[in-house]
Amino acid sequence: MGTSFVIAGALIFLCINNYQYIDAKGIHMNLFFSLQEDHTSWEDIVKVEQTIVKKNGVSLPDKLIFTLKDGSTIEQPLTDKLSSTKQFINQELSNYGLTIENKYSENE
């Protein structure tokens, strides 16, 4: 029974420790079941795209795709919280000569 509580406690901690945030230093993520934070600096980003999808005849922003210098990407669903920080993201990107480019998707 004690072992079960220890395992359950560890799983709860790892679930609670799952977060993502964006600040002046870049993008910070601690993925599910991870103990270490991943940090991506604004300097490492070379391109940012906002995918636009058509749903019920209306074009809506879907996600932001950050392309890094090494060619890898970070995809973030465009939630209400992320949408509210787009002005801040644009400001940080403009410091590095970048803008958010719209990418239209044919998927409905």
PDB file of N, CA and C in Angstrom:
ATOM      1  N   MET A   1       0.826  -1.177   0.000  1.00  0.00           N
ATOM      2  CA  MET A   1       0.000   0.000   0.000  1.00  0.00           C
ATOM      3  C   MET A   1       0.884   1.259   0.000  1.00  0.00           C
ATOM      4  N   GLY A   2       1.955   1.244   0.767  1.00  0.00           N
ATOM      5  CA  GLY A   2       2.873   2.382   0.815  1.00  0.00           C
ATOM      6  C   GLY A   2       3.507   2.648  -0.529  1.00  0.00           C
ATOM      7  N   THR A   3       3.868   1.576  -1.235  1.00  0.00           N
ATOM      8  CA  THR A   3       4.467   1.720  -2.563  1.00  0.00           C
ATOM      9  C   THR A   3       3.475   2.364  -3.520  1.00  0.00           C
ATOM     10  N   SER A   4       2.235   1.998  -3.419  1.00  0.00           N
ATOM     11  CA  SER A   4       1.196   2.583  -4.283  1.00  0.00           C
ATOM     12  C   SER A   4       1.089   4.079  -4.053  1.00  0.00           C
ATOM     13  N   PHE A   5       1.154   4.525  -2.786  1.00  0.00           N
ATOM     14  CA  PHE A   5       1.091   5.953  -2.492  1.00  0.00           C
ATOM     15  C   PHE A   5       2.304   6.691  -3.044  1.00  0.00           C
ATOM     16  N   VAL A   6       3.466   6.087  -2.964  1.00  0.00           N
ATOM     17  CA  VAL A   6       4.684   6.709  -3.497  1.00  0.00           C
ATOM     18  C   VAL A   6       4.586   6.841  -5.010  1.00  0.00           C
ATOM     19  N   ILE A   7       4.151   5.784  -5.671  1.00  0.00           N
ATOM     20  CA  ILE A   7       4.012   5.818  -7.137  1.00  0.00           C
ATOM     21  C   ILE A   7       2.950   6.832  -7.537  1.00  0.00           C
ATOM     22  N   ALA A   8       1.831   6.843  -6.837  1.00  0.00           N
ATOM     23  CA  ALA A   8       0.759   7.798  -7.147  1.00  0.00           C
ATOM     24  C   ALA A   8       1.243   9.222  -6.916  1.00  0.00           C
ATOM     25  N   GLY A   9       1.976   9.449  -5.839  1.00  0.00           N
ATOM     26  CA  GLY A   9       2.507  10.784  -5.559  1.00  0.00           C
ATOM     27  C   GLY A   9       3.463  11.244  -6.642  1.00  0.00           C
ATOM     28  N   ALA A  10       4.330  10.343  -7.102  1.00  0.00           N
ATOM     29  CA  ALA A  10       5.273  10.682  -8.166  1.00  0.00           C
ATOM     30  C   ALA A  10       4.529  11.019  -9.456  1.00  0.00           C
ATOM     31  N   LEU A  11       3.522  10.255  -9.803  1.00  0.00           N
ATOM     32  CA  LEU A  11       2.744  10.518 -11.022  1.00  0.00           C
ATOM     33  C   LEU A  11       1.997  11.845 -10.922  1.00  0.00           C
ATOM     34  N   ILE A  12       1.438  12.117  -9.769  1.00  0.00           N
ATOM     35  CA  ILE A  12       0.736  13.396  -9.584  1.00  0.00           C
ATOM     36  C   ILE A  12       1.713  14.555  -9.732  1.00  0.00           C
ATOM     37  N   PHE A  13       2.905  14.446  -9.148  1.00  0.00           N
ATOM     38  CA  PHE A  13       3.918  15.501  -9.270  1.00  0.00           C
ATOM     39  C   PHE A  13       4.295  15.734 -10.723  1.00  0.00           C
ATOM     40  N   LEU A  14       4.529  14.646 -11.469  1.00  0.00           N
ATOM     41  CA  LEU A  14       4.927  14.781 -12.868  1.00  0.00           C
ATOM     42  C   LEU A  14       3.810  15.391 -13.706  1.00  0.00           C
ATOM     43  N   CYS A  15       2.570  15.095 -13.366  1.00  0.00           N
ATOM     44  CA  CYS A  15       1.441  15.679 -14.095  1.00  0.00           C
ATOM     45  C   CYS A  15       1.301  17.162 -13.789  1.00  0.00           C
ATOM     46  N   ILE A  16       1.469  17.538 -12.546  1.00  0.00           N
ATOM     47  CA  ILE A  16       1.357  18.941 -12.145  1.00  0.00           C
ATOM     48  C   ILE A  16       2.522  19.747 -12.709  1.00  0.00           C
ATOM     49  N   ASN A  17       3.661  19.132 -12.871  1.00  0.00           N
ATOM     50  CA  ASN A  17       4.872  19.804 -13.324  1.00  0.00           C
ATOM     51  C   ASN A  17       4.890  20.000 -14.842  1.00  0.00           C
ATOM     52  N   ASN A  18       3.772  19.815 -15.514  1.00  0.00           N
ATOM     53  CA  ASN A  18       3.656  19.980 -16.958  1.00  0.00           C
ATOM     54  C   ASN A  18       3.213  21.424 -17.230  1.00  0.00           C
ATOM     55  N   TYR A  19       4.088  22.245 -17.878  1.00  0.00           N
ATOM     56  CA  TYR A  19       3.730  23.634 -18.134  1.00  0.00           C
ATOM     57  C   TYR A  19       4.434  24.156 -19.369  1.00  0.00           C
ATOM     58  N   GLN A  20       3.908  25.273 -19.878  1.00  0.00           N
ATOM     59  CA  GLN A  20       4.508  26.005 -20.989  1.00  0.00           C
ATOM     60  C   GLN A  20       4.240  27.482 -20.752  1.00  0.00           C
ATOM     61  N   TYR A  21       5.243  28.310 -20.996  1.00  0.00           N
ATOM     62  CA  TYR A  21       5.019  29.751 -20.936  1.00  0.00           C
ATOM     63  C   TYR A  21       6.007  30.465 -21.839  1.00  0.00           C
ATOM     64  N   ILE A  22       5.645  31.694 -22.203  1.00  0.00           N
ATOM     65  CA  ILE A  22       6.456  32.523 -23.086  1.00  0.00           C
ATOM     66  C   ILE A  22       6.753  33.819 -22.339  1.00  0.00           C
ATOM     67  N   ASP A  23       8.020  34.216 -22.347  1.00  0.00           N
ATOM     68  CA  ASP A  23       8.407  35.478 -21.722  1.00  0.00           C
ATOM     69  C   ASP A  23       9.462  36.164 -22.588  1.00  0.00           C
ATOM     70  N   ALA A  24      10.079  37.202 -22.058  1.00  0.00           N
ATOM     71  CA  ALA A  24      11.064  37.980 -22.815  1.00  0.00           C
ATOM     72  C   ALA A  24      12.301  37.166 -23.185  1.00  0.00           C
ATOM     73  N   LYS A  25      12.540  36.062 -22.496  1.00  0.00           N
ATOM     74  CA  LYS A  25      13.709  35.223 -22.793  1.00  0.00           C
ATOM     75  C   LYS A  25      13.417  34.172 -23.860  1.00  0.00           C
ATOM     76  N   GLY A  26      12.147  33.848 -24.087  1.00  0.00           N
ATOM     77  CA  GLY A  26      11.793  32.858 -25.095  1.00  0.00           C
ATOM     78  C   GLY A  26      10.643  31.972 -24.676  1.00  0.00           C
ATOM     79  N   ILE A  27      10.675  30.747 -25.162  1.00  0.00           N
ATOM     80  CA  ILE A  27       9.624  29.764 -24.897  1.00  0.00           C
ATOM     81  C   ILE A  27      10.155  28.748 -23.897  1.00  0.00           C
ATOM     82  N   HIS A  28       9.413  28.526 -22.846  1.00  0.00           N
ATOM     83  CA  HIS A  28       9.795  27.579 -21.799  1.00  0.00           C
ATOM     84  C   HIS A  28       8.750  26.474 -21.746  1.00  0.00           C
ATOM     85  N   MET A  29       9.204  25.229 -21.733  1.00  0.00           N
ATOM     86  CA  MET A  29       8.286  24.093 -21.684  1.00  0.00           C
ATOM     87  C   MET A  29       8.832  23.018 -20.762  1.00  0.00           C
ATOM     88  N   ASN A  30       7.967  22.440 -19.991  1.00  0.00           N
ATOM     89  CA  ASN A  30       8.285  21.250 -19.230  1.00  0.00           C
ATOM     90  C   ASN A  30       7.207  20.254 -19.610  1.00  0.00           C
ATOM     91  N   LEU A  31       7.574  19.309 -20.446  1.00  0.00           N
ATOM     92  CA  LEU A  31       6.614  18.380 -21.008  1.00  0.00           C
ATOM     93  C   LEU A  31       6.143  17.353 -19.982  1.00  0.00           C
ATOM     94  N   PHE A  32       5.045  16.740 -20.293  1.00  0.00           N
ATOM     95  CA  PHE A  32       4.443  15.728 -19.446  1.00  0.00           C
ATOM     96  C   PHE A  32       5.463  14.640 -19.106  1.00  0.00           C
ATOM     97  N   PHE A  33       5.558  14.262 -17.861  1.00  0.00           N
ATOM     98  CA  PHE A  33       6.478  13.242 -17.342  1.00  0.00           C
ATOM     99  C   PHE A  33       7.951  13.627 -17.498  1.00  0.00           C
ATOM    100  N   SER A  34       8.254  14.912 -17.533  1.00  0.00           N
ATOM    101  CA  SER A  34       9.637  15.365 -17.638  1.00  0.00           C
ATOM    102  C   SER A  34      10.011  16.133 -16.381  1.00  0.00           C
ATOM    103  N   LEU A  35      11.265  16.014 -15.985  1.00  0.00           N
ATOM    104  CA  LEU A  35      11.739  16.760 -14.825  1.00  0.00           C
ATOM    105  C   LEU A  35      12.548  17.983 -15.224  1.00  0.00           C
ATOM    106  N   GLN A  36      12.885  18.109 -16.512  1.00  0.00           N
ATOM    107  CA  GLN A  36      13.757  19.190 -16.961  1.00  0.00           C
ATOM    108  C   GLN A  36      13.009  20.126 -17.907  1.00  0.00           C
ATOM    109  N   GLU A  37      13.207  21.423 -17.712  1.00  0.00           N
ATOM    110  CA  GLU A  37      12.580  22.430 -18.558  1.00  0.00           C
ATOM    111  C   GLU A  37      13.367  22.599 -19.850  1.00  0.00           C
ATOM    112  N   ASP A  38      12.655  22.673 -20.973  1.00  0.00           N
ATOM    113  CA  ASP A  38      13.259  22.989 -22.266  1.00  0.00           C
ATOM    114  C   ASP A  38      13.072  24.480 -22.505  1.00  0.00           C
ATOM    115  N   HIS A  39      14.150  25.163 -22.887  1.00  0.00           N
ATOM    116  CA  HIS A  39      14.098  26.596 -23.141  1.00  0.00           C
ATOM    117  C   HIS A  39      14.527  26.861 -24.577  1.00  0.00           C
ATOM    118  N   THR A  40      13.721  27.636 -25.287  1.00  0.00           N
ATOM    119  CA  THR A  40      14.068  28.067 -26.638  1.00  0.00           C
ATOM    120  C   THR A  40      14.139  29.579 -26.640  1.00  0.00           C
ATOM    121  N   SER A  41      15.298  30.114 -26.929  1.00  0.00           N
ATOM    122  CA  SER A  41      15.509  31.556 -26.952  1.00  0.00           C
ATOM    123  C   SER A  41      14.901  32.148 -28.227  1.00  0.00           C
ATOM    124  N   TRP A  42      14.493  33.418 -28.149  1.00  0.00           N
ATOM    125  CA  TRP A  42      13.994  34.103 -29.336  1.00  0.00           C
ATOM    126  C   TRP A  42      15.052  34.122 -30.433  1.00  0.00           C
ATOM    127  N   GLU A  43      16.315  34.138 -30.061  1.00  0.00           N
ATOM    128  CA  GLU A  43      17.408  34.152 -31.042  1.00  0.00           C
ATOM    129  C   GLU A  43      17.472  32.865 -31.853  1.00  0.00           C
ATOM    130  N   ASP A  44      16.960  31.766 -31.300  1.00  0.00           N
ATOM    131  CA  ASP A  44      16.993  30.468 -31.981  1.00  0.00           C
ATOM    132  C   ASP A  44      15.884  30.307 -33.009  1.00  0.00           C
ATOM    133  N   ILE A  45      14.933  31.220 -33.015  1.00  0.00           N
ATOM    134  CA  ILE A  45      13.774  31.129 -33.909  1.00  0.00           C
ATOM    135  C   ILE A  45      14.081  31.861 -35.204  1.00  0.00           C
ATOM    136  N   VAL A  46      13.846  31.198 -36.343  1.00  0.00           N
ATOM    137  CA  VAL A  46      14.118  31.816 -37.644  1.00  0.00           C
ATOM    138  C   VAL A  46      12.836  32.124 -38.417  1.00  0.00           C
ATOM    139  N   LYS A  47      11.711  31.499 -38.014  1.00  0.00           N
ATOM    140  CA  LYS A  47      10.465  31.706 -38.750  1.00  0.00           C
ATOM    141  C   LYS A  47       9.292  31.338 -37.847  1.00  0.00           C
ATOM    142  N   VAL A  48       8.204  32.103 -37.950  1.00  0.00           N
ATOM    143  CA  VAL A  48       6.991  31.795 -37.201  1.00  0.00           C
ATOM    144  C   VAL A  48       5.810  31.856 -38.170  1.00  0.00           C
ATOM    145  N   GLU A  49       5.034  30.779 -38.183  1.00  0.00           N
ATOM    146  CA  GLU A  49       3.857  30.713 -39.036  1.00  0.00           C
ATOM    147  C   GLU A  49       2.615  30.517 -38.180  1.00  0.00           C
ATOM    148  N   GLN A  50       1.539  31.159 -38.598  1.00  0.00           N
ATOM    149  CA  GLN A  50       0.241  30.948 -37.980  1.00  0.00           C
ATOM    150  C   GLN A  50      -0.619  30.222 -38.996  1.00  0.00           C
ATOM    151  N   THR A  51      -1.030  29.003 -38.684  1.00  0.00           N
ATOM    152  CA  THR A  51      -1.865  28.272 -39.632  1.00  0.00           C
ATOM    153  C   THR A  51      -3.307  28.754 -39.494  1.00  0.00           C
ATOM    154  N   ILE A  52      -3.933  28.933 -40.641  1.00  0.00           N
ATOM    155  CA  ILE A  52      -5.318  29.371 -40.713  1.00  0.00           C
ATOM    156  C   ILE A  52      -6.115  28.228 -41.342  1.00  0.00           C
ATOM    157  N   VAL A  53      -7.145  27.769 -40.660  1.00  0.00           N
ATOM    158  CA  VAL A  53      -7.987  26.697 -41.193  1.00  0.00           C
ATOM    159  C   VAL A  53      -9.388  27.236 -41.434  1.00  0.00           C
ATOM    160  N   LYS A  54     -10.055  26.610 -42.392  1.00  0.00           N
ATOM    161  CA  LYS A  54     -11.418  27.002 -42.725  1.00  0.00           C
ATOM    162  C   LYS A  54     -12.369  26.019 -42.052  1.00  0.00           C
ATOM    163  N   LYS A  55     -13.205  26.543 -41.152  1.00  0.00           N
ATOM    164  CA  LYS A  55     -14.191  25.715 -40.458  1.00  0.00           C
ATOM    165  C   LYS A  55     -15.561  26.337 -40.663  1.00  0.00           C
ATOM    166  N   ASN A  56     -16.469  25.547 -41.237  1.00  0.00           N
ATOM    167  CA  ASN A  56     -17.840  26.014 -41.496  1.00  0.00           C
ATOM    168  C   ASN A  56     -17.856  27.312 -42.301  1.00  0.00           C
ATOM    169  N   GLY A  57     -16.962  27.415 -43.260  1.00  0.00           N
ATOM    170  CA  GLY A  57     -16.908  28.576 -44.133  1.00  0.00           C
ATOM    171  C   GLY A  57     -16.206  29.785 -43.548  1.00  0.00           C
ATOM    172  N   VAL A  58     -15.654  29.663 -42.340  1.00  0.00           N
ATOM    173  CA  VAL A  58     -14.977  30.781 -41.686  1.00  0.00           C
ATOM    174  C   VAL A  58     -13.507  30.421 -41.474  1.00  0.00           C
ATOM    175  N   SER A  59     -12.612  31.339 -41.839  1.00  0.00           N
ATOM    176  CA  SER A  59     -11.189  31.114 -41.630  1.00  0.00           C
ATOM    177  C   SER A  59     -10.810  31.512 -40.205  1.00  0.00           C
ATOM    178  N   LEU A  60     -10.202  30.577 -39.475  1.00  0.00           N
ATOM    179  CA  LEU A  60      -9.831  30.798 -38.081  1.00  0.00           C
ATOM    180  C   LEU A  60      -8.370  30.424 -37.852  1.00  0.00           C
ATOM    181  N   PRO A  61      -7.645  31.201 -37.014  1.00  0.00           N
ATOM    182  CA  PRO A  61      -6.280  30.825 -36.646  1.00  0.00           C
ATOM    183  C   PRO A  61      -6.309  29.517 -35.860  1.00  0.00           C
ATOM    184  N   ASP A  62      -5.366  28.606 -36.165  1.00  0.00           N
ATOM    185  CA  ASP A  62      -5.367  27.292 -35.539  1.00  0.00           C
ATOM    186  C   ASP A  62      -4.177  27.083 -34.605  1.00  0.00           C
ATOM    187  N   LYS A  63      -2.966  27.365 -35.090  1.00  0.00           N
ATOM    188  CA  LYS A  63      -1.781  27.148 -34.260  1.00  0.00           C
ATOM    189  C   LYS A  63      -0.630  28.014 -34.742  1.00  0.00           C
ATOM    190  N   LEU A  64       0.367  28.166 -33.870  1.00  0.00           N
ATOM    191  CA  LEU A  64       1.614  28.841 -34.213  1.00  0.00           C
ATOM    192  C   LEU A  64       2.699  27.789 -34.360  1.00  0.00           C
ATOM    193  N   ILE A  65       3.488  27.911 -35.412  1.00  0.00           N
ATOM    194  CA  ILE A  65       4.591  26.991 -35.657  1.00  0.00           C
ATOM    195  C   ILE A  65       5.883  27.809 -35.646  1.00  0.00           C
ATOM    196  N   PHE A  66       6.735  27.529 -34.665  1.00  0.00           N
ATOM    197  CA  PHE A  66       8.032  28.194 -34.535  1.00  0.00           C
ATOM    198  C   PHE A  66       9.084  27.293 -35.165  1.00  0.00           C
ATOM    199  N   THR A  67       9.791  27.782 -36.184  1.00  0.00           N
ATOM    200  CA  THR A  67      10.870  27.031 -36.818  1.00  0.00           C
ATOM    201  C   THR A  67      12.190  27.529 -36.243  1.00  0.00           C
ATOM    202  N   LEU A  68      13.012  26.585 -35.792  1.00  0.00           N
ATOM    203  CA  LEU A  68      14.274  26.923 -35.138  1.00  0.00           C
ATOM    204  C   LEU A  68      15.437  26.831 -36.120  1.00  0.00           C
ATOM    205  N   LYS A  69      16.583  27.361 -35.726  1.00  0.00           N
ATOM    206  CA  LYS A  69      17.790  27.361 -36.569  1.00  0.00           C
ATOM    207  C   LYS A  69      18.183  25.963 -37.013  1.00  0.00           C
ATOM    208  N   ASP A  70      17.982  24.969 -36.148  1.00  0.00           N
ATOM    209  CA  ASP A  70      18.375  23.602 -36.485  1.00  0.00           C
ATOM    210  C   ASP A  70      17.350  22.882 -37.356  1.00  0.00           C
ATOM    211  N   GLY A  71      16.278  23.580 -37.751  1.00  0.00           N
ATOM    212  CA  GLY A  71      15.258  22.992 -38.614  1.00  0.00           C
ATOM    213  C   GLY A  71      14.103  22.356 -37.865  1.00  0.00           C
ATOM    214  N   SER A  72      14.229  22.178 -36.578  1.00  0.00           N
ATOM    215  CA  SER A  72      13.129  21.598 -35.807  1.00  0.00           C
ATOM    216  C   SER A  72      12.030  22.642 -35.620  1.00  0.00           C
ATOM    217  N   THR A  73      10.842  22.181 -35.240  1.00  0.00           N
ATOM    218  CA  THR A  73       9.715  23.084 -35.058  1.00  0.00           C
ATOM    219  C   THR A  73       9.061  22.855 -33.700  1.00  0.00           C
ATOM    220  N   ILE A  74       8.426  23.900 -33.221  1.00  0.00           N
ATOM    221  CA  ILE A  74       7.604  23.833 -32.022  1.00  0.00           C
ATOM    222  C   ILE A  74       6.214  24.282 -32.444  1.00  0.00           C
ATOM    223  N   GLU A  75       5.236  23.407 -32.277  1.00  0.00           N
ATOM    224  CA  GLU A  75       3.857  23.735 -32.642  1.00  0.00           C
ATOM    225  C   GLU A  75       3.054  23.988 -31.378  1.00  0.00           C
ATOM    226  N   GLN A  76       2.379  25.127 -31.350  1.00  0.00           N
ATOM    227  CA  GLN A  76       1.554  25.502 -30.214  1.00  0.00           C
ATOM    228  C   GLN A  76       0.130  25.743 -30.691  1.00  0.00           C
ATOM    229  N   PRO A  77      -0.849  24.984 -30.175  1.00  0.00           N
ATOM    230  CA  PRO A  77      -2.245  25.271 -30.529  1.00  0.00           C
ATOM    231  C   PRO A  77      -2.600  26.690 -30.092  1.00  0.00           C
ATOM    232  N   LEU A  78      -3.348  27.385 -30.911  1.00  0.00           N
ATOM    233  CA  LEU A  78      -3.688  28.779 -30.626  1.00  0.00           C
ATOM    234  C   LEU A  78      -4.893  28.828 -29.692  1.00  0.00           C
ATOM    235  N   THR A  79      -4.622  28.652 -28.416  1.00  0.00           N
ATOM    236  CA  THR A  79      -5.650  28.719 -27.390  1.00  0.00           C
ATOM    237  C   THR A  79      -5.984  30.181 -27.103  1.00  0.00           C
ATOM    238  N   ASP A  80      -7.019  30.417 -26.316  1.00  0.00           N
ATOM    239  CA  ASP A  80      -7.382  31.787 -25.946  1.00  0.00           C
ATOM    240  C   ASP A  80      -6.227  32.485 -25.233  1.00  0.00           C
ATOM    241  N   LYS A  81      -5.547  31.735 -24.370  1.00  0.00           N
ATOM    242  CA  LYS A  81      -4.432  32.316 -23.611  1.00  0.00           C
ATOM    243  C   LYS A  81      -3.282  32.706 -24.543  1.00  0.00           C
ATOM    244  N   LEU A  82      -2.947  31.828 -25.492  1.00  0.00           N
ATOM    245  CA  LEU A  82      -1.865  32.133 -26.426  1.00  0.00           C
ATOM    246  C   LEU A  82      -2.279  33.268 -27.363  1.00  0.00           C
ATOM    247  N   SER A  83      -3.539  33.286 -27.771  1.00  0.00           N
ATOM    248  CA  SER A  83      -4.025  34.368 -28.633  1.00  0.00           C
ATOM    249  C   SER A  83      -3.889  35.719 -27.953  1.00  0.00           C
ATOM    250  N   SER A  84      -4.123  35.753 -26.643  1.00  0.00           N
ATOM    251  CA  SER A  84      -4.028  37.021 -25.919  1.00  0.00           C
ATOM    252  C   SER A  84      -2.583  37.509 -25.801  1.00  0.00           C
ATOM    253  N   THR A  85      -1.608  36.624 -26.001  1.00  0.00           N
ATOM    254  CA  THR A  85      -0.198  37.033 -25.911  1.00  0.00           C
ATOM    255  C   THR A  85       0.434  37.254 -27.285  1.00  0.00           C
ATOM    256  N   LYS A  86      -0.355  37.163 -28.359  1.00  0.00           N
ATOM    257  CA  LYS A  86       0.213  37.326 -29.702  1.00  0.00           C
ATOM    258  C   LYS A  86       0.850  38.700 -29.903  1.00  0.00           C
ATOM    259  N   GLN A  87       0.295  39.737 -29.299  1.00  0.00           N
ATOM    260  CA  GLN A  87       0.889  41.070 -29.425  1.00  0.00           C
ATOM    261  C   GLN A  87       2.280  41.083 -28.791  1.00  0.00           C
ATOM    262  N   PHE A  88       2.433  40.445 -27.627  1.00  0.00           N
ATOM    263  CA  PHE A  88       3.736  40.346 -26.971  1.00  0.00           C
ATOM    264  C   PHE A  88       4.706  39.533 -27.830  1.00  0.00           C
ATOM    265  N   ILE A  89       4.222  38.417 -28.388  1.00  0.00           N
ATOM    266  CA  ILE A  89       5.061  37.575 -29.244  1.00  0.00           C
ATOM    267  C   ILE A  89       5.527  38.369 -30.462  1.00  0.00           C
ATOM    268  N   ASN A  90       4.606  39.113 -31.088  1.00  0.00           N
ATOM    269  CA  ASN A  90       4.977  39.950 -32.241  1.00  0.00           C
ATOM    270  C   ASN A  90       6.045  40.967 -31.872  1.00  0.00           C
ATOM    271  N   GLN A  91       5.916  41.559 -30.704  1.00  0.00           N
ATOM    272  CA  GLN A  91       6.893  42.551 -30.250  1.00  0.00           C
ATOM    273  C   GLN A  91       8.265  41.905 -30.066  1.00  0.00           C
ATOM    274  N   GLU A  92       8.316  40.742 -29.432  1.00  0.00           N
ATOM    275  CA  GLU A  92       9.598  40.054 -29.237  1.00  0.00           C
ATOM    276  C   GLU A  92      10.196  39.626 -30.570  1.00  0.00           C
ATOM    277  N   LEU A  93       9.363  39.118 -31.485  1.00  0.00           N
ATOM    278  CA  LEU A  93       9.852  38.699 -32.796  1.00  0.00           C
ATOM    279  C   LEU A  93      10.394  39.880 -33.595  1.00  0.00           C
ATOM    280  N   SER A  94       9.735  41.033 -33.475  1.00  0.00           N
ATOM    281  CA  SER A  94      10.192  42.207 -34.235  1.00  0.00           C
ATOM    282  C   SER A  94      11.579  42.653 -33.782  1.00  0.00           C
ATOM    283  N   ASN A  95      11.945  42.369 -32.542  1.00  0.00           N
ATOM    284  CA  ASN A  95      13.297  42.690 -32.068  1.00  0.00           C
ATOM    285  C   ASN A  95      14.355  41.898 -32.835  1.00  0.00           C
ATOM    286  N   TYR A  96      13.957  40.784 -33.438  1.00  0.00           N
ATOM    287  CA  TYR A  96      14.888  39.936 -34.199  1.00  0.00           C
ATOM    288  C   TYR A  96      14.570  39.963 -35.697  1.00  0.00           C
ATOM    289  N   GLY A  97      13.767  40.936 -36.112  1.00  0.00           N
ATOM    290  CA  GLY A  97      13.451  41.094 -37.533  1.00  0.00           C
ATOM    291  C   GLY A  97      12.501  40.048 -38.074  1.00  0.00           C
ATOM    292  N   LEU A  98      11.673  39.457 -37.223  1.00  0.00           N
ATOM    293  CA  LEU A  98      10.734  38.416 -37.640  1.00  0.00           C
ATOM    294  C   LEU A  98       9.295  38.881 -37.471  1.00  0.00           C
ATOM    295  N   THR A  99       8.405  38.309 -38.266  1.00  0.00           N
ATOM    296  CA  THR A  99       6.974  38.540 -38.120  1.00  0.00           C
ATOM    297  C   THR A  99       6.260  37.197 -38.220  1.00  0.00           C
ATOM    298  N   ILE A 100       5.033  37.164 -37.771  1.00  0.00           N
ATOM    299  CA  ILE A 100       4.222  35.951 -37.891  1.00  0.00           C
ATOM    300  C   ILE A 100       3.617  35.929 -39.292  1.00  0.00           C
ATOM    301  N   GLU A 101       3.907  34.857 -40.034  1.00  0.00           N
ATOM    302  CA  GLU A 101       3.387  34.698 -41.386  1.00  0.00           C
ATOM    303  C   GLU A 101       2.144  33.816 -41.345  1.00  0.00           C
ATOM    304  N   ASN A 102       1.121  34.183 -42.103  1.00  0.00           N
ATOM    305  CA  ASN A 102      -0.086  33.369 -42.179  1.00  0.00           C
ATOM    306  C   ASN A 102       0.101  32.264 -43.212  1.00  0.00           C
ATOM    307  N   LYS A 103      -0.298  31.057 -42.830  1.00  0.00           N
ATOM    308  CA  LYS A 103      -0.209  29.889 -43.705  1.00  0.00           C
ATOM    309  C   LYS A 103      -1.609  29.286 -43.758  1.00  0.00           C
ATOM    310  N   TYR A 104      -2.221  29.307 -44.934  1.00  0.00           N
ATOM    311  CA  TYR A 104      -3.595  28.841 -45.076  1.00  0.00           C
ATOM    312  C   TYR A 104      -3.627  27.355 -45.365  1.00  0.00           C
ATOM    313  N   SER A 105      -4.511  26.664 -44.654  1.00  0.00           N
ATOM    314  CA  SER A 105      -4.661  25.225 -44.803  1.00  0.00           C
ATOM    315  C   SER A 105      -5.977  24.933 -45.481  1.00  0.00           C
ATOM    316  N   GLU A 106      -5.973  23.927 -46.328  1.00  0.00           N
ATOM    317  CA  GLU A 106      -7.192  23.559 -47.058  1.00  0.00           C
ATOM    318  C   GLU A 106      -8.083  22.625 -46.227  1.00  0.00           C
ATOM    319  N   ASN A 107      -7.570  22.130 -45.111  1.00  0.00           N
ATOM    320  CA  ASN A 107      -8.352  21.204 -44.281  1.00  0.00           C
ATOM    321  C   ASN A 107      -9.522  21.921 -43.641  1.00  0.00           C
ATOM    322  N   GLU A 108     -10.640  21.200 -43.562  1.00  0.00           N
ATOM    323  CA  GLU A 108     -11.806  21.767 -42.905  1.00  0.00           C
ATOM    324  C   GLU A 108     -12.192  20.943 -41.730  1.00  0.00           C
TER     325      GLU A 108
END
